[in-house]
Amino acid sequence: MSAALLLAVVLAGPLDAAGIGRAVAAHRGRPVVLTLWATWCEPCVKEFPALAALARERKDVAFLSVSIDEPDDRKALEAFVAERRPPFPVYTRTPGPDQAFIDGVDREWSGVVPATLVYDREGRRVALLQGEHTRADIEKALARAKAERGAGS
C-alpha cells in the first residue's frame, strides 16, 4: 500500500461542529469518547497513547478524534497519525471561526486542548474533561455514561 493511500485511509476527513454532532449521534446505543487535540499541544501528544490503548480495549465504546491543527500543519498531522495508527477515526476540523466551532461543539468547552467529551448511549454529554487528563479520568466518565444508561432524561 502506498504511503499516500495509507494516509488517505488514516485521516477520516474534515468535520465542522455540526458534523461532530452527527458523528456522535451515529453511534447512538454506545458510549462515545470524543477527543479534540492538536499535534503542537504537548499534553495532547502525551495523552494520545492512553486514548489509543483504551480504544483498543473498550470495543463497547466508540472513539472519535478531531485534530484542530491548521491546514498548514497537515503534513505533521499525517505523519503523527501514520506513526501512531490509532484504532479510531481521526478527523480534521474544517476551517472557520474558532469561537463558532467551540460553541458548536459544546458551549461549556473553553476551547482548550486536549478536550475529551464523553457521551452516554443516548448521546447526552456526561463529561467534559478540559486540559490534560489521565486514562483513569476517562474511565470514570465512561462509568458515569454506563450508569446513566437507564436514567430518564
C-alpha atoms as a PDB file:
ATOM      1  CA  MET A   1       0.000   0.000   0.000  1.00  0.00           C
ATOM      2  CA  SER A   2       1.413   3.396  -0.928  1.00  0.00           C
ATOM      3  CA  ALA A   3       2.077   5.989   1.755  1.00  0.00           C
ATOM      4  CA  ALA A   4      -0.451   8.372   0.165  1.00  0.00           C
ATOM      5  CA  LEU A   5      -3.160   5.708   0.183  1.00  0.00           C
ATOM      6  CA  LEU A   6      -2.326   4.767   3.769  1.00  0.00           C
ATOM      7  CA  LEU A   7      -2.662   8.400   4.865  1.00  0.00           C
ATOM      8  CA  ALA A   8      -5.906   8.770   2.956  1.00  0.00           C
ATOM      9  CA  VAL A   9      -7.224   5.814   4.927  1.00  0.00           C
ATOM     10  CA  VAL A  10      -5.825   7.098   8.242  1.00  0.00           C
ATOM     11  CA  LEU A  11      -7.376  10.594   8.159  1.00  0.00           C
ATOM     12  CA  ALA A  12     -11.148  10.382   8.150  1.00  0.00           C
ATOM     13  CA  GLY A  13     -11.832  13.797   6.611  1.00  0.00           C
ATOM     14  CA  PRO A  14     -12.952  17.246   7.731  1.00  0.00           C
ATOM     15  CA  LEU A  15     -15.703  17.899  10.274  1.00  0.00           C
ATOM     16  CA  ASP A  16     -17.322  21.111  11.411  1.00  0.00           C
ATOM     17  CA  ALA A  17     -19.178  21.341  14.737  1.00  0.00           C
ATOM     18  CA  ALA A  18     -22.443  20.087  13.216  1.00  0.00           C
ATOM     19  CA  GLY A  19     -20.548  17.183  11.652  1.00  0.00           C
ATOM     20  CA  ILE A  20     -19.145  16.276  15.053  1.00  0.00           C
ATOM     21  CA  GLY A  21     -22.699  16.215  16.419  1.00  0.00           C
ATOM     22  CA  ARG A  22     -23.768  13.901  13.588  1.00  0.00           C
ATOM     23  CA  ALA A  23     -20.738  11.645  14.146  1.00  0.00           C
ATOM     24  CA  VAL A  24     -21.592  11.299  17.848  1.00  0.00           C
ATOM     25  CA  ALA A  25     -25.273  10.679  17.028  1.00  0.00           C
ATOM     26  CA  ALA A  26     -24.292   7.965  14.523  1.00  0.00           C
ATOM     27  CA  HIS A  27     -23.045   5.881  17.453  1.00  0.00           C
ATOM     28  CA  ARG A  28     -26.275   6.065  19.472  1.00  0.00           C
ATOM     29  CA  GLY A  29     -26.572   2.906  21.535  1.00  0.00           C
ATOM     30  CA  ARG A  30     -22.893   3.018  22.564  1.00  0.00           C
ATOM     31  CA  PRO A  31     -20.994   5.428  24.779  1.00  0.00           C
ATOM     32  CA  VAL A  32     -18.798   7.809  22.777  1.00  0.00           C
ATOM     33  CA  VAL A  33     -15.455   9.360  23.678  1.00  0.00           C
ATOM     34  CA  LEU A  34     -14.667  12.425  21.575  1.00  0.00           C
ATOM     35  CA  THR A  35     -11.224  13.941  21.821  1.00  0.00           C
ATOM     36  CA  LEU A  36     -10.210  17.317  20.399  1.00  0.00           C
ATOM     37  CA  TRP A  37      -6.460  17.820  20.163  1.00  0.00           C
ATOM     38  CA  ALA A  38      -3.523  19.116  18.104  1.00  0.00           C
ATOM     39  CA  THR A  39      -0.045  17.904  17.210  1.00  0.00           C
ATOM     40  CA  TRP A  40       1.509  21.126  18.597  1.00  0.00           C
ATOM     41  CA  CYS A  41      -0.112  20.520  22.013  1.00  0.00           C
ATOM     42  CA  GLU A  42       2.290  18.651  24.326  1.00  0.00           C
ATOM     43  CA  PRO A  43      -0.420  17.380  26.725  1.00  0.00           C
ATOM     44  CA  CYS A  44      -2.409  16.162  23.693  1.00  0.00           C
ATOM     45  CA  VAL A  45       0.553  14.197  22.356  1.00  0.00           C
ATOM     46  CA  LYS A  46       1.239  12.820  25.844  1.00  0.00           C
ATOM     47  CA  GLU A  47      -2.398  11.703  26.285  1.00  0.00           C
ATOM     48  CA  PHE A  48      -2.810  10.167  22.804  1.00  0.00           C
ATOM     49  CA  PRO A  49      -1.253   6.725  23.521  1.00  0.00           C
ATOM     50  CA  ALA A  50      -3.509   6.203  26.556  1.00  0.00           C
ATOM     51  CA  LEU A  51      -6.584   7.029  24.468  1.00  0.00           C
ATOM     52  CA  ALA A  52      -5.469   4.628  21.744  1.00  0.00           C
ATOM     53  CA  ALA A  53      -4.844   1.856  24.287  1.00  0.00           C
ATOM     54  CA  LEU A  54      -8.241   2.427  25.895  1.00  0.00           C
ATOM     55  CA  ALA A  55      -9.921   2.357  22.470  1.00  0.00           C
ATOM     56  CA  ARG A  56      -8.219  -0.949  21.648  1.00  0.00           C
ATOM     57  CA  GLU A  57      -9.514  -2.473  24.883  1.00  0.00           C
ATOM     58  CA  ARG A  58     -13.027  -0.959  25.001  1.00  0.00           C
ATOM     59  CA  LYS A  59     -14.774  -2.318  21.919  1.00  0.00           C
ATOM     60  CA  ASP A  60     -18.098  -1.371  23.551  1.00  0.00           C
ATOM     61  CA  VAL A  61     -17.223   2.337  23.235  1.00  0.00           C
ATOM     62  CA  ALA A  62     -16.981   4.455  20.073  1.00  0.00           C
ATOM     63  CA  PHE A  63     -13.931   6.724  19.945  1.00  0.00           C
ATOM     64  CA  LEU A  64     -13.775   9.809  17.718  1.00  0.00           C
ATOM     65  CA  SER A  65     -10.838  12.156  17.355  1.00  0.00           C
ATOM     66  CA  VAL A  66     -10.767  15.639  15.845  1.00  0.00           C
ATOM     67  CA  SER A  67      -7.494  17.443  15.213  1.00  0.00           C
ATOM     68  CA  ILE A  68      -7.697  21.217  15.416  1.00  0.00           C
ATOM     69  CA  ASP A  69      -4.348  21.581  13.632  1.00  0.00           C
ATOM     70  CA  GLU A  70      -4.273  24.306  10.982  1.00  0.00           C
ATOM     71  CA  PRO A  71      -4.286  23.237   7.324  1.00  0.00           C
ATOM     72  CA  ASP A  72      -0.606  24.308   7.150  1.00  0.00           C
ATOM     73  CA  ASP A  73       0.162  21.588   9.732  1.00  0.00           C
ATOM     74  CA  ARG A  74      -1.400  18.811   7.616  1.00  0.00           C
ATOM     75  CA  LYS A  75       1.918  17.033   6.905  1.00  0.00           C
ATOM     76  CA  ALA A  76       2.776  16.948  10.616  1.00  0.00           C
ATOM     77  CA  LEU A  77      -0.707  15.611  11.394  1.00  0.00           C
ATOM     78  CA  GLU A  78      -0.490  12.934   8.695  1.00  0.00           C
ATOM     79  CA  ALA A  79       2.926  11.816   9.965  1.00  0.00           C
ATOM     80  CA  PHE A  80       1.699  11.769  13.587  1.00  0.00           C
ATOM     81  CA  VAL A  81      -1.342   9.643  12.749  1.00  0.00           C
ATOM     82  CA  ALA A  82       0.536   7.318  10.383  1.00  0.00           C
ATOM     83  CA  GLU A  83       3.180   6.664  13.040  1.00  0.00           C
ATOM     84  CA  ARG A  84       0.733   6.011  15.891  1.00  0.00           C
ATOM     85  CA  ARG A  85      -2.027   4.229  13.946  1.00  0.00           C
ATOM     86  CA  PRO A  86      -4.883   4.941  16.347  1.00  0.00           C
ATOM     87  CA  PRO A  87      -7.773   2.447  16.348  1.00  0.00           C
ATOM     88  CA  PHE A  88     -10.291   5.254  15.815  1.00  0.00           C
ATOM     89  CA  PRO A  89     -11.023   7.755  13.065  1.00  0.00           C
ATOM     90  CA  VAL A  90      -9.032  10.988  13.129  1.00  0.00           C
ATOM     91  CA  TYR A  91     -10.950  13.863  11.589  1.00  0.00           C
ATOM     92  CA  THR A  92      -9.674  17.344  10.890  1.00  0.00           C
ATOM     93  CA  ARG A  93     -11.510  20.478  11.905  1.00  0.00           C
ATOM     94  CA  THR A  94     -12.889  22.422   8.963  1.00  0.00           C
ATOM     95  CA  PRO A  95     -11.510  25.950   8.681  1.00  0.00           C
ATOM     96  CA  GLY A  96     -13.674  28.714  10.086  1.00  0.00           C
ATOM     97  CA  PRO A  97     -14.130  30.994  13.098  1.00  0.00           C
ATOM     98  CA  ASP A  98     -12.708  29.396  16.254  1.00  0.00           C
ATOM     99  CA  GLN A  99     -15.472  30.556  18.607  1.00  0.00           C
ATOM    100  CA  ALA A 100     -18.255  29.316  16.326  1.00  0.00           C
ATOM    101  CA  PHE A 101     -16.578  25.887  16.234  1.00  0.00           C
ATOM    102  CA  ILE A 102     -16.035  25.809  20.005  1.00  0.00           C
ATOM    103  CA  ASP A 103     -19.614  26.854  20.800  1.00  0.00           C
ATOM    104  CA  GLY A 104     -20.949  24.457  18.185  1.00  0.00           C
ATOM    105  CA  VAL A 105     -19.157  21.525  19.773  1.00  0.00           C
ATOM    106  CA  ASP A 106     -20.160  22.404  23.346  1.00  0.00           C
ATOM    107  CA  ARG A 107     -20.953  25.787  24.881  1.00  0.00           C
ATOM    108  CA  GLU A 108     -19.198  24.780  28.117  1.00  0.00           C
ATOM    109  CA  TRP A 109     -15.940  23.972  26.309  1.00  0.00           C
ATOM    110  CA  SER A 110     -13.435  26.824  26.673  1.00  0.00           C
ATOM    111  CA  GLY A 111     -11.550  25.806  23.541  1.00  0.00           C
ATOM    112  CA  VAL A 112      -8.572  24.457  25.469  1.00  0.00           C
ATOM    113  CA  VAL A 113      -6.999  21.235  24.192  1.00  0.00           C
ATOM    114  CA  PRO A 114      -6.858  18.484  24.873  1.00  0.00           C
ATOM    115  CA  ALA A 115     -10.571  18.273  25.450  1.00  0.00           C
ATOM    116  CA  THR A 116     -12.362  14.975  25.927  1.00  0.00           C
ATOM    117  CA  LEU A 117     -16.134  14.760  25.841  1.00  0.00           C
ATOM    118  CA  VAL A 118     -17.882  11.589  26.929  1.00  0.00           C
ATOM    119  CA  TYR A 119     -21.430  10.818  25.827  1.00  0.00           C
ATOM    120  CA  ASP A 120     -23.808   8.162  27.116  1.00  0.00           C
ATOM    121  CA  ARG A 121     -25.643   5.662  24.901  1.00  0.00           C
ATOM    122  CA  GLU A 122     -28.363   8.228  24.202  1.00  0.00           C
ATOM    123  CA  GLY A 123     -25.894  10.853  23.013  1.00  0.00           C
ATOM    124  CA  ARG A 124     -26.061  13.020  26.154  1.00  0.00           C
ATOM    125  CA  ARG A 125     -22.754  14.516  27.268  1.00  0.00           C
ATOM    126  CA  VAL A 126     -21.894  13.193  30.718  1.00  0.00           C
ATOM    127  CA  ALA A 127     -18.365  14.607  30.978  1.00  0.00           C
ATOM    128  CA  LEU A 128     -16.251  17.430  29.605  1.00  0.00           C
ATOM    129  CA  LEU A 129     -12.595  16.997  30.515  1.00  0.00           C
ATOM    130  CA  GLN A 130     -10.598  20.102  29.604  1.00  0.00           C
ATOM    131  CA  GLY A 131      -6.822  20.025  29.612  1.00  0.00           C
ATOM    132  CA  GLU A 132      -4.656  17.021  30.314  1.00  0.00           C
ATOM    133  CA  HIS A 133      -6.396  14.074  31.946  1.00  0.00           C
ATOM    134  CA  THR A 134      -5.430  10.528  32.752  1.00  0.00           C
ATOM    135  CA  ARG A 135      -6.881   7.341  31.402  1.00  0.00           C
ATOM    136  CA  ALA A 136      -8.466   6.825  34.844  1.00  0.00           C
ATOM    137  CA  ASP A 137     -10.347  10.140  34.462  1.00  0.00           C
ATOM    138  CA  ILE A 138     -11.751   8.990  31.124  1.00  0.00           C
ATOM    139  CA  GLU A 139     -12.679   5.589  32.559  1.00  0.00           C
ATOM    140  CA  LYS A 140     -14.558   7.293  35.429  1.00  0.00           C
ATOM    141  CA  ALA A 141     -16.505   9.340  32.878  1.00  0.00           C
ATOM    142  CA  LEU A 142     -17.271   6.164  30.918  1.00  0.00           C
ATOM    143  CA  ALA A 143     -18.541   4.538  34.120  1.00  0.00           C
ATOM    144  CA  ARG A 144     -20.912   7.516  34.531  1.00  0.00           C
ATOM    145  CA  ALA A 145     -22.037   7.104  30.917  1.00  0.00           C
ATOM    146  CA  LYS A 146     -22.822   3.469  31.564  1.00  0.00           C
ATOM    147  CA  ALA A 147     -24.566   4.233  34.877  1.00  0.00           C
ATOM    148  CA  GLU A 148     -26.847   6.735  33.141  1.00  0.00           C
ATOM    149  CA  ARG A 149     -27.962   4.107  30.656  1.00  0.00           C
ATOM    150  CA  GLY A 150     -31.283   3.554  32.369  1.00  0.00           C
ATOM    151  CA  ALA A 151     -31.694   7.095  33.656  1.00  0.00           C
ATOM    152  CA  GLY A 152     -34.526   9.272  32.437  1.00  0.00           C
ATOM    153  CA  SER A 153     -33.985  12.499  30.536  1.00  0.00           C
END
